[in-house]
Amino acid sequence: MIKSFQILTVLIALSTSVFGQNTFTLSSKDLGGQATINEEFNGFGCLGKNKSPQLSWKNAPEDTKSFAITMYDPDAPTGSGWWHWVVFDIPASTNELVSGAGNTELNLTPEGAIQSITDYGASGYGGPCPPEGHGLHQYVITVYALKTDKLGLNESTNPAVVGYYLWNNTLAKASIVTYYQRNKK
């Protein structure tokens, strides 16, 4: 009986260590399942507040040297999706971007972080603004734990090039998805 109890104890301990591992996780106090007028872009016919959501992450790999964040709409009718936000060279000591950090004029990102251009043609956050009546679009927000402290890029680097550098330097990544649609008026 004692031997069976010891084996059961070992199995429980092993399952806890295998299934209870802390994984790299991204969360937001601002976002739920759907984006709101707060996050919606202000332009292109949209009248939102264009406020980037608060984001926080935890359990990055130990050898992380910096972070990057992207927001991407794969449902945009462009043939290549739409990049809404690209931030990189975020120091490894950072684990949160506050709400509104995507507004480059407010200087709310950590020192050294770079917000490059989006598919709107400007730096910083550009919120959801799908075509009217196009249905729900998904917006994938991803934080990347990187093996380099700097990507060697600047604020005029386009999202595809940033993506290439991210692909080459990613240790881990975590995402959240939110949805948004504009109904015909």
N, C-alpha and C. Protein backbone atom coordinates (compact mmCIF):
# COMPACT_ATOMS: atom_id res chain seq x y z
N MET A 1 0.82 -1.20 0.00
CA MET A 1 0.00 0.00 0.00
C MET A 1 0.86 1.26 0.00
N ILE A 2 1.93 1.25 0.80
CA ILE A 2 2.80 2.42 0.86
C ILE A 2 3.49 2.62 -0.48
N LYS A 3 3.89 1.54 -1.13
CA LYS A 3 4.55 1.65 -2.42
C LYS A 3 3.63 2.28 -3.47
N SER A 4 2.36 1.88 -3.49
CA SER A 4 1.39 2.47 -4.43
C SER A 4 1.21 3.96 -4.16
N PHE A 5 1.16 4.32 -2.87
CA PHE A 5 1.02 5.73 -2.49
C PHE A 5 2.24 6.53 -2.95
N GLN A 6 3.44 5.97 -2.83
CA GLN A 6 4.67 6.64 -3.26
C GLN A 6 4.68 6.83 -4.77
N ILE A 7 4.26 5.83 -5.50
CA ILE A 7 4.22 5.92 -6.96
C ILE A 7 3.20 6.98 -7.38
N LEU A 8 2.03 6.99 -6.72
CA LEU A 8 1.02 7.98 -7.02
C LEU A 8 1.53 9.40 -6.73
N THR A 9 2.25 9.57 -5.63
CA THR A 9 2.81 10.88 -5.29
C THR A 9 3.81 11.34 -6.35
N VAL A 10 4.65 10.44 -6.82
CA VAL A 10 5.63 10.77 -7.86
C VAL A 10 4.91 11.15 -9.16
N LEU A 11 3.88 10.40 -9.52
CA LEU A 11 3.13 10.71 -10.74
C LEU A 11 2.45 12.07 -10.66
N ILE A 12 1.88 12.40 -9.51
CA ILE A 12 1.25 13.71 -9.35
C ILE A 12 2.29 14.81 -9.45
N ALA A 13 3.42 14.62 -8.82
CA ALA A 13 4.50 15.63 -8.88
C ALA A 13 4.99 15.81 -10.31
N LEU A 14 5.15 14.73 -11.06
CA LEU A 14 5.59 14.82 -12.45
C LEU A 14 4.53 15.52 -13.30
N SER A 15 3.27 15.19 -13.12
CA SER A 15 2.23 15.82 -13.94
C SER A 15 2.13 17.31 -13.64
N THR A 16 2.33 17.69 -12.39
CA THR A 16 2.31 19.10 -12.04
C THR A 16 3.46 19.83 -12.69
N SER A 17 4.64 19.23 -12.71
CA SER A 17 5.79 19.90 -13.33
C SER A 17 5.66 19.94 -14.84
N VAL A 18 5.03 18.97 -15.45
CA VAL A 18 4.87 18.96 -16.90
C VAL A 18 3.72 19.88 -17.33
N PHE A 19 2.57 19.77 -16.67
CA PHE A 19 1.39 20.50 -17.10
C PHE A 19 1.23 21.85 -16.42
N GLY A 20 1.92 22.07 -15.31
CA GLY A 20 1.77 23.31 -14.57
C GLY A 20 2.88 24.31 -14.84
N GLN A 21 3.63 24.11 -15.91
CA GLN A 21 4.72 25.02 -16.22
C GLN A 21 4.19 26.41 -16.52
N ASN A 22 4.98 27.40 -16.12
CA ASN A 22 4.63 28.78 -16.43
C ASN A 22 5.00 29.06 -17.88
N THR A 23 4.03 29.44 -18.66
CA THR A 23 4.28 29.73 -20.06
C THR A 23 4.29 31.23 -20.30
N PHE A 24 4.97 31.64 -21.34
CA PHE A 24 5.02 33.04 -21.75
C PHE A 24 3.59 33.45 -22.10
N THR A 25 3.10 34.48 -21.46
CA THR A 25 1.70 34.86 -21.56
C THR A 25 1.54 36.35 -21.78
N LEU A 26 0.61 36.73 -22.66
CA LEU A 26 0.25 38.12 -22.92
C LEU A 26 -1.19 38.34 -22.47
N SER A 27 -1.45 39.48 -21.80
CA SER A 27 -2.81 39.80 -21.39
C SER A 27 -3.03 41.31 -21.51
N SER A 28 -4.30 41.71 -21.37
CA SER A 28 -4.66 43.13 -21.46
C SER A 28 -5.81 43.43 -20.52
N LYS A 29 -5.68 44.52 -19.77
CA LYS A 29 -6.77 44.98 -18.91
C LYS A 29 -7.85 45.69 -19.73
N ASP A 30 -7.50 46.13 -20.94
CA ASP A 30 -8.41 46.93 -21.77
C ASP A 30 -9.23 46.11 -22.75
N LEU A 31 -8.69 45.00 -23.21
CA LEU A 31 -9.35 44.25 -24.29
C LEU A 31 -10.12 43.06 -23.77
N GLY A 32 -11.27 42.85 -24.36
CA GLY A 32 -12.03 41.62 -24.16
C GLY A 32 -12.05 40.90 -25.49
N GLY A 33 -13.12 40.20 -25.75
CA GLY A 33 -13.23 39.47 -27.01
C GLY A 33 -13.38 40.36 -28.23
N GLN A 34 -13.87 41.59 -28.00
CA GLN A 34 -14.04 42.51 -29.11
C GLN A 34 -13.44 43.87 -28.76
N ALA A 35 -12.79 44.48 -29.75
CA ALA A 35 -12.28 45.84 -29.59
C ALA A 35 -13.46 46.79 -29.52
N THR A 36 -13.22 48.00 -29.03
CA THR A 36 -14.29 48.98 -28.87
C THR A 36 -13.93 50.27 -29.60
N ILE A 37 -14.77 51.26 -29.47
CA ILE A 37 -14.53 52.58 -30.05
C ILE A 37 -13.24 53.18 -29.48
N ASN A 38 -12.85 52.77 -28.27
CA ASN A 38 -11.59 53.25 -27.68
C ASN A 38 -10.38 52.86 -28.53
N GLU A 39 -10.37 51.64 -29.03
CA GLU A 39 -9.24 51.16 -29.82
C GLU A 39 -9.37 51.50 -31.31
N GLU A 40 -10.61 51.73 -31.79
CA GLU A 40 -10.84 51.98 -33.21
C GLU A 40 -10.01 53.17 -33.71
N PHE A 41 -9.53 53.05 -34.95
CA PHE A 41 -8.77 54.10 -35.62
C PHE A 41 -9.62 55.36 -35.77
N ASN A 42 -8.96 56.50 -35.86
CA ASN A 42 -9.65 57.76 -36.15
C ASN A 42 -9.16 58.24 -37.51
N GLY A 43 -9.85 57.87 -38.55
CA GLY A 43 -9.50 58.17 -39.93
C GLY A 43 -10.03 57.08 -40.83
N PHE A 44 -9.88 57.23 -42.14
CA PHE A 44 -10.37 56.25 -43.11
C PHE A 44 -11.87 56.00 -42.93
N GLY A 45 -12.60 56.97 -42.44
CA GLY A 45 -14.03 56.82 -42.20
C GLY A 45 -14.37 56.31 -40.81
N CYS A 46 -13.38 55.96 -40.02
CA CYS A 46 -13.61 55.52 -38.64
C CYS A 46 -13.47 56.72 -37.70
N LEU A 47 -14.23 56.71 -36.62
CA LEU A 47 -14.28 57.86 -35.71
C LEU A 47 -13.86 57.49 -34.28
N GLY A 48 -13.03 56.46 -34.14
CA GLY A 48 -12.63 55.98 -32.82
C GLY A 48 -11.63 56.88 -32.11
N LYS A 49 -11.25 56.46 -30.93
CA LYS A 49 -10.29 57.21 -30.10
C LYS A 49 -8.84 56.82 -30.42
N ASN A 50 -8.64 55.75 -31.17
CA ASN A 50 -7.31 55.29 -31.59
C ASN A 50 -6.35 55.18 -30.41
N LYS A 51 -6.82 54.54 -29.35
CA LYS A 51 -6.01 54.38 -28.14
C LYS A 51 -5.53 52.94 -28.05
N SER A 52 -4.21 52.78 -28.03
CA SER A 52 -3.66 51.43 -27.93
C SER A 52 -4.00 50.83 -26.57
N PRO A 53 -4.25 49.51 -26.53
CA PRO A 53 -4.63 48.87 -25.28
C PRO A 53 -3.43 48.68 -24.34
N GLN A 54 -3.73 48.60 -23.07
CA GLN A 54 -2.73 48.20 -22.08
C GLN A 54 -2.37 46.75 -22.38
N LEU A 55 -1.09 46.42 -22.31
CA LEU A 55 -0.62 45.05 -22.52
C LEU A 55 0.38 44.70 -21.43
N SER A 56 0.32 43.49 -20.94
CA SER A 56 1.33 43.02 -19.99
C SER A 56 1.67 41.57 -20.30
N TRP A 57 2.87 41.19 -19.98
CA TRP A 57 3.32 39.83 -20.27
C TRP A 57 4.15 39.32 -19.11
N LYS A 58 4.23 37.98 -19.03
CA LYS A 58 4.99 37.35 -17.95
C LYS A 58 5.58 36.03 -18.43
N ASN A 59 6.54 35.55 -17.66
CA ASN A 59 7.19 34.26 -17.90
C ASN A 59 7.98 34.20 -19.21
N ALA A 60 8.65 35.28 -19.55
CA ALA A 60 9.52 35.26 -20.75
C ALA A 60 10.70 34.35 -20.48
N PRO A 61 11.29 33.79 -21.54
CA PRO A 61 12.48 32.96 -21.35
C PRO A 61 13.60 33.75 -20.64
N GLU A 62 14.38 33.05 -19.84
CA GLU A 62 15.44 33.69 -19.04
C GLU A 62 16.44 34.48 -19.89
N ASP A 63 16.73 34.02 -21.09
CA ASP A 63 17.75 34.66 -21.92
C ASP A 63 17.19 35.75 -22.84
N THR A 64 15.97 36.24 -22.55
CA THR A 64 15.36 37.33 -23.32
C THR A 64 16.18 38.60 -23.15
N LYS A 65 16.49 39.25 -24.28
CA LYS A 65 17.26 40.50 -24.25
C LYS A 65 16.43 41.71 -24.62
N SER A 66 15.28 41.50 -25.27
CA SER A 66 14.35 42.59 -25.57
C SER A 66 13.02 41.98 -25.99
N PHE A 67 12.04 42.87 -26.17
CA PHE A 67 10.71 42.45 -26.61
C PHE A 67 10.28 43.28 -27.82
N ALA A 68 9.31 42.75 -28.55
CA ALA A 68 8.65 43.48 -29.63
C ALA A 68 7.17 43.15 -29.56
N ILE A 69 6.36 44.06 -30.08
CA ILE A 69 4.91 43.85 -30.12
C ILE A 69 4.40 44.21 -31.51
N THR A 70 3.51 43.37 -32.01
CA THR A 70 2.85 43.68 -33.29
C THR A 70 1.34 43.49 -33.12
N MET A 71 0.60 44.21 -33.95
CA MET A 71 -0.85 44.02 -34.06
C MET A 71 -1.15 43.89 -35.54
N TYR A 72 -1.78 42.78 -35.90
CA TYR A 72 -1.96 42.42 -37.31
C TYR A 72 -3.39 41.97 -37.57
N ASP A 73 -3.95 42.40 -38.70
CA ASP A 73 -5.28 41.98 -39.15
C ASP A 73 -5.13 41.11 -40.38
N PRO A 74 -5.23 39.77 -40.23
CA PRO A 74 -5.11 38.89 -41.39
C PRO A 74 -6.34 38.93 -42.31
N ASP A 75 -7.43 39.53 -41.85
CA ASP A 75 -8.68 39.55 -42.62
C ASP A 75 -8.83 40.78 -43.51
N ALA A 76 -7.87 41.70 -43.46
CA ALA A 76 -7.96 42.90 -44.29
C ALA A 76 -7.97 42.50 -45.77
N PRO A 77 -8.81 43.14 -46.57
CA PRO A 77 -8.92 42.76 -47.99
C PRO A 77 -7.81 43.37 -48.84
N THR A 78 -6.56 43.02 -48.50
CA THR A 78 -5.40 43.57 -49.20
C THR A 78 -4.57 42.52 -49.91
N GLY A 79 -4.79 41.27 -49.59
CA GLY A 79 -3.95 40.20 -50.13
C GLY A 79 -2.77 39.91 -49.21
N SER A 80 -2.48 40.82 -48.27
CA SER A 80 -1.36 40.60 -47.36
C SER A 80 -1.69 41.02 -45.93
N GLY A 81 -2.96 41.21 -45.61
CA GLY A 81 -3.33 41.63 -44.27
C GLY A 81 -3.01 43.10 -44.04
N TRP A 82 -3.02 43.51 -42.76
CA TRP A 82 -2.79 44.92 -42.41
C TRP A 82 -2.08 44.99 -41.07
N TRP A 83 -0.94 45.68 -41.05
CA TRP A 83 -0.16 45.88 -39.82
C TRP A 83 -0.63 47.16 -39.15
N HIS A 84 -1.13 47.03 -37.91
CA HIS A 84 -1.69 48.14 -37.15
C HIS A 84 -0.73 48.73 -36.12
N TRP A 85 0.27 47.95 -35.72
CA TRP A 85 1.19 48.43 -34.68
C TRP A 85 2.43 47.58 -34.71
N VAL A 86 3.58 48.23 -34.69
CA VAL A 86 4.87 47.54 -34.68
C VAL A 86 5.79 48.29 -33.72
N VAL A 87 6.14 47.64 -32.61
CA VAL A 87 7.02 48.22 -31.59
C VAL A 87 8.14 47.23 -31.32
N PHE A 88 9.37 47.71 -31.29
CA PHE A 88 10.50 46.80 -31.02
C PHE A 88 11.58 47.52 -30.22
N ASP A 89 12.61 46.78 -29.85
CA ASP A 89 13.68 47.26 -28.97
C ASP A 89 13.13 47.67 -27.60
N ILE A 90 12.10 46.98 -27.16
CA ILE A 90 11.57 47.19 -25.81
C ILE A 90 12.52 46.49 -24.84
N PRO A 91 13.06 47.20 -23.85
CA PRO A 91 14.04 46.60 -22.93
C PRO A 91 13.51 45.35 -22.24
N ALA A 92 14.40 44.41 -21.98
CA ALA A 92 14.04 43.15 -21.34
C ALA A 92 13.49 43.34 -19.93
N SER A 93 13.77 44.46 -19.31
CA SER A 93 13.27 44.74 -17.96
C SER A 93 11.80 45.17 -17.96
N THR A 94 11.22 45.34 -19.13
CA THR A 94 9.84 45.79 -19.28
C THR A 94 8.90 44.60 -19.34
N ASN A 95 7.74 44.71 -18.70
CA ASN A 95 6.73 43.66 -18.83
C ASN A 95 5.32 44.23 -19.04
N GLU A 96 5.26 45.53 -19.42
CA GLU A 96 3.96 46.15 -19.66
C GLU A 96 4.11 47.38 -20.54
N LEU A 97 3.11 47.59 -21.41
CA LEU A 97 2.91 48.88 -22.08
C LEU A 97 1.58 49.41 -21.57
N VAL A 98 1.58 50.65 -21.13
CA VAL A 98 0.36 51.24 -20.60
C VAL A 98 -0.60 51.60 -21.74
N SER A 99 -1.85 51.76 -21.38
CA SER A 99 -2.86 52.18 -22.34
C SER A 99 -2.45 53.52 -22.94
N GLY A 100 -2.55 53.64 -24.25
CA GLY A 100 -2.18 54.87 -24.94
C GLY A 100 -0.71 54.95 -25.34
N ALA A 101 0.08 53.93 -25.02
CA ALA A 101 1.52 53.95 -25.34
C ALA A 101 1.77 54.03 -26.84
N GLY A 102 0.80 53.65 -27.66
CA GLY A 102 0.95 53.70 -29.11
C GLY A 102 0.92 55.09 -29.69
N ASN A 103 0.57 56.09 -28.89
CA ASN A 103 0.59 57.48 -29.33
C ASN A 103 2.03 57.98 -29.15
N THR A 104 2.76 58.12 -30.25
CA THR A 104 4.18 58.47 -30.19
C THR A 104 4.43 59.85 -29.57
N GLU A 105 3.44 60.72 -29.62
CA GLU A 105 3.61 62.06 -29.06
C GLU A 105 3.60 62.07 -27.53
N LEU A 106 3.07 61.03 -26.91
CA LEU A 106 2.96 60.98 -25.45
C LEU A 106 4.21 60.41 -24.77
N ASN A 107 5.10 59.76 -25.54
CA ASN A 107 6.32 59.15 -24.98
C ASN A 107 6.03 58.22 -23.81
N LEU A 108 5.09 57.32 -23.98
CA LEU A 108 4.72 56.38 -22.92
C LEU A 108 5.42 55.02 -23.04
N THR A 109 6.17 54.81 -24.12
CA THR A 109 6.90 53.55 -24.24
C THR A 109 8.23 53.68 -23.48
N PRO A 110 8.82 52.55 -23.09
CA PRO A 110 10.10 52.61 -22.38
C PRO A 110 11.18 53.27 -23.25
N GLU A 111 12.15 53.87 -22.60
CA GLU A 111 13.25 54.51 -23.31
C GLU A 111 13.94 53.50 -24.22
N GLY A 112 14.17 53.88 -25.46
CA GLY A 112 14.84 53.02 -26.44
C GLY A 112 13.89 52.24 -27.33
N ALA A 113 12.62 52.11 -26.92
CA ALA A 113 11.65 51.39 -27.75
C ALA A 113 11.34 52.19 -29.01
N ILE A 114 11.19 51.50 -30.12
CA ILE A 114 10.92 52.14 -31.41
C ILE A 114 9.56 51.67 -31.94
N GLN A 115 8.73 52.63 -32.33
CA GLN A 115 7.46 52.34 -32.98
C GLN A 115 7.63 52.69 -34.46
N SER A 116 7.65 51.65 -35.29
CA SER A 116 7.87 51.92 -36.72
C SER A 116 6.54 52.10 -37.44
N ILE A 117 6.65 52.34 -38.73
CA ILE A 117 5.45 52.63 -39.52
C ILE A 117 4.53 51.42 -39.63
N THR A 118 3.26 51.73 -39.78
CA THR A 118 2.23 50.71 -39.96
C THR A 118 1.75 50.78 -41.40
N ASP A 119 0.76 49.99 -41.72
CA ASP A 119 0.19 50.07 -43.07
C ASP A 119 -0.64 51.33 -43.27
N TYR A 120 -0.87 52.10 -42.21
CA TYR A 120 -1.49 53.42 -42.37
C TYR A 120 -0.46 54.44 -42.86
N GLY A 121 0.83 54.07 -42.83
CA GLY A 121 1.88 54.96 -43.30
C GLY A 121 2.44 55.89 -42.23
N ALA A 122 2.10 55.63 -40.96
CA ALA A 122 2.59 56.47 -39.86
C ALA A 122 3.12 55.58 -38.74
N SER A 123 3.97 56.14 -37.91
CA SER A 123 4.50 55.43 -36.75
C SER A 123 3.47 55.38 -35.64
N GLY A 124 3.57 54.37 -34.80
CA GLY A 124 2.69 54.25 -33.65
C GLY A 124 1.47 53.40 -33.95
N TYR A 125 0.56 53.40 -33.00
CA TYR A 125 -0.64 52.57 -33.07
C TYR A 125 -1.65 53.14 -34.05
N GLY A 126 -2.22 52.27 -34.87
CA GLY A 126 -3.33 52.59 -35.75
C GLY A 126 -4.39 51.52 -35.55
N GLY A 127 -5.47 51.85 -34.88
CA GLY A 127 -6.47 50.88 -34.47
C GLY A 127 -7.27 50.26 -35.60
N PRO A 128 -8.16 49.33 -35.22
CA PRO A 128 -9.02 48.65 -36.19
C PRO A 128 -9.89 49.64 -36.96
N CYS A 129 -10.05 49.37 -38.24
CA CYS A 129 -10.94 50.16 -39.09
C CYS A 129 -11.27 49.34 -40.34
N PRO A 130 -11.94 48.20 -40.15
CA PRO A 130 -12.27 47.37 -41.31
C PRO A 130 -13.29 48.06 -42.20
N PRO A 131 -13.35 47.69 -43.47
CA PRO A 131 -14.36 48.28 -44.35
C PRO A 131 -15.77 48.02 -43.82
N GLU A 132 -16.65 48.99 -43.99
CA GLU A 132 -18.04 48.83 -43.57
C GLU A 132 -18.65 47.60 -44.22
N GLY A 133 -19.37 46.80 -43.42
CA GLY A 133 -20.07 45.64 -43.94
C GLY A 133 -19.18 44.47 -44.31
N HIS A 134 -17.88 44.52 -43.98
CA HIS A 134 -16.94 43.45 -44.34
C HIS A 134 -16.94 42.33 -43.32
N GLY A 135 -17.72 42.47 -42.26
CA GLY A 135 -17.79 41.44 -41.23
C GLY A 135 -16.70 41.59 -40.19
N LEU A 136 -16.65 40.60 -39.31
CA LEU A 136 -15.67 40.61 -38.23
C LEU A 136 -14.26 40.41 -38.77
N HIS A 137 -13.36 41.22 -38.27
CA HIS A 137 -11.93 41.05 -38.55
C HIS A 137 -11.27 40.66 -37.23
N GLN A 138 -10.27 39.79 -37.32
CA GLN A 138 -9.51 39.44 -36.12
C GLN A 138 -8.24 40.27 -36.07
N TYR A 139 -7.89 40.68 -34.86
CA TYR A 139 -6.68 41.48 -34.64
C TYR A 139 -5.79 40.70 -33.69
N VAL A 140 -4.66 40.25 -34.22
CA VAL A 140 -3.74 39.41 -33.46
C VAL A 140 -2.65 40.31 -32.89
N ILE A 141 -2.61 40.40 -31.57
CA ILE A 141 -1.58 41.18 -30.89
C ILE A 141 -0.59 40.18 -30.31
N THR A 142 0.67 40.34 -30.69
CA THR A 142 1.71 39.38 -30.30
C THR A 142 2.87 40.10 -29.63
N VAL A 143 3.34 39.52 -28.54
CA VAL A 143 4.58 39.98 -27.92
C VAL A 143 5.64 38.91 -28.23
N TYR A 144 6.81 39.38 -28.63
CA TYR A 144 7.93 38.51 -28.97
C TYR A 144 9.03 38.69 -27.94
N ALA A 145 9.54 37.60 -27.39
CA ALA A 145 10.74 37.62 -26.56
C ALA A 145 11.91 37.38 -27.51
N LEU A 146 12.86 38.31 -27.52
CA LEU A 146 13.92 38.27 -28.53
C LEU A 146 15.29 37.96 -27.92
N LYS A 147 16.15 37.36 -28.74
CA LYS A 147 17.50 37.01 -28.29
C LYS A 147 18.52 38.11 -28.54
N THR A 148 18.07 39.28 -28.97
CA THR A 148 18.95 40.42 -29.20
C THR A 148 18.36 41.65 -28.51
N ASP A 149 19.22 42.54 -28.04
CA ASP A 149 18.69 43.73 -27.36
C ASP A 149 18.22 44.80 -28.34
N LYS A 150 18.77 44.83 -29.55
CA LYS A 150 18.37 45.79 -30.58
C LYS A 150 18.26 45.07 -31.92
N LEU A 151 17.23 45.44 -32.70
CA LEU A 151 17.08 44.85 -34.03
C LEU A 151 17.92 45.59 -35.07
N GLY A 152 18.38 46.80 -34.76
CA GLY A 152 19.17 47.57 -35.71
C GLY A 152 18.32 48.22 -36.79
N LEU A 153 17.04 48.46 -36.46
CA LEU A 153 16.10 49.08 -37.40
C LEU A 153 15.66 50.41 -36.83
N ASN A 154 14.88 51.19 -37.61
CA ASN A 154 14.42 52.48 -37.12
C ASN A 154 12.92 52.65 -37.36
N GLU A 155 12.40 53.84 -37.02
CA GLU A 155 10.96 54.09 -37.10
C GLU A 155 10.42 54.15 -38.52
N SER A 156 11.27 54.18 -39.53
CA SER A 156 10.77 54.18 -40.91
C SER A 156 10.84 52.79 -41.55
N THR A 157 11.22 51.78 -40.78
CA THR A 157 11.29 50.42 -41.32
C THR A 157 9.88 49.86 -41.48
N ASN A 158 9.61 49.30 -42.66
CA ASN A 158 8.25 48.79 -42.90
C ASN A 158 8.01 47.47 -42.15
N PRO A 159 6.74 47.15 -41.88
CA PRO A 159 6.40 45.97 -41.08
C PRO A 159 6.95 44.64 -41.62
N ALA A 160 7.03 44.48 -42.93
CA ALA A 160 7.54 43.22 -43.48
C ALA A 160 9.01 43.01 -43.11
N VAL A 161 9.79 44.07 -43.15
CA VAL A 161 11.21 43.96 -42.79
C VAL A 161 11.34 43.71 -41.29
N VAL A 162 10.56 44.43 -40.48
CA VAL A 162 10.58 44.18 -39.04
C VAL A 162 10.21 42.72 -38.77
N GLY A 163 9.19 42.23 -39.45
CA GLY A 163 8.77 40.84 -39.29
C GLY A 163 9.87 39.85 -39.60
N TYR A 164 10.66 40.13 -40.62
CA TYR A 164 11.78 39.26 -40.98
C TYR A 164 12.80 39.22 -39.84
N TYR A 165 13.12 40.37 -39.28
CA TYR A 165 14.07 40.44 -38.17
C TYR A 165 13.50 39.76 -36.92
N LEU A 166 12.21 39.91 -36.69
CA LEU A 166 11.59 39.22 -35.56
C LEU A 166 11.69 37.71 -35.75
N TRP A 167 11.38 37.24 -36.94
CA TRP A 167 11.43 35.81 -37.22
C TRP A 167 12.83 35.25 -36.92
N ASN A 168 13.86 36.01 -37.24
CA ASN A 168 15.24 35.56 -37.03
C ASN A 168 15.71 35.64 -35.58
N ASN A 169 14.98 36.36 -34.72
CA ASN A 169 15.46 36.60 -33.36
C ASN A 169 14.50 36.18 -32.26
N THR A 170 13.43 35.50 -32.59
CA THR A 170 12.41 35.15 -31.60
C THR A 170 12.78 33.91 -30.79
N LEU A 171 12.72 34.07 -29.46
CA LEU A 171 12.89 32.95 -28.54
C LEU A 171 11.52 32.34 -28.21
N ALA A 172 10.53 33.21 -28.02
CA ALA A 172 9.17 32.78 -27.69
C ALA A 172 8.22 33.90 -28.07
N LYS A 173 6.95 33.57 -28.21
CA LYS A 173 5.95 34.59 -28.48
C LYS A 173 4.63 34.18 -27.86
N ALA A 174 3.81 35.20 -27.56
CA ALA A 174 2.49 34.97 -26.99
C ALA A 174 1.54 35.97 -27.64
N SER A 175 0.30 35.54 -27.86
CA SER A 175 -0.67 36.38 -28.56
C SER A 175 -2.01 36.41 -27.87
N ILE A 176 -2.74 37.48 -28.12
CA ILE A 176 -4.16 37.54 -27.80
C ILE A 176 -4.87 38.00 -29.07
N VAL A 177 -6.12 37.63 -29.20
CA VAL A 177 -6.89 37.99 -30.39
C VAL A 177 -8.14 38.72 -29.94
N THR A 178 -8.43 39.81 -30.62
CA THR A 178 -9.67 40.53 -30.41
C THR A 178 -10.32 40.72 -31.77
N TYR A 179 -11.61 40.99 -31.79
CA TYR A 179 -12.34 41.14 -33.05
C TYR A 179 -13.02 42.49 -33.12
N TYR A 180 -13.25 42.93 -34.36
CA TYR A 180 -13.95 44.21 -34.56
C TYR A 180 -14.60 44.22 -35.93
N GLN A 181 -15.76 44.89 -36.03
CA GLN A 181 -16.41 45.08 -37.32
C GLN A 181 -17.11 46.42 -37.36
N ARG A 182 -17.27 46.93 -38.56
CA ARG A 182 -18.04 48.15 -38.79
C ARG A 182 -19.26 47.78 -39.60
N ASN A 183 -20.39 48.15 -39.11
CA ASN A 183 -21.64 47.88 -39.84
C ASN A 183 -21.92 49.01 -40.82
N LYS A 184 -22.61 48.71 -41.89
CA LYS A 184 -22.97 49.75 -42.86
C LYS A 184 -23.93 50.71 -42.19
N LYS A 185 -23.72 51.98 -42.49
CA LYS A 185 -24.57 53.02 -41.90
C LYS A 185 -25.75 53.32 -42.76
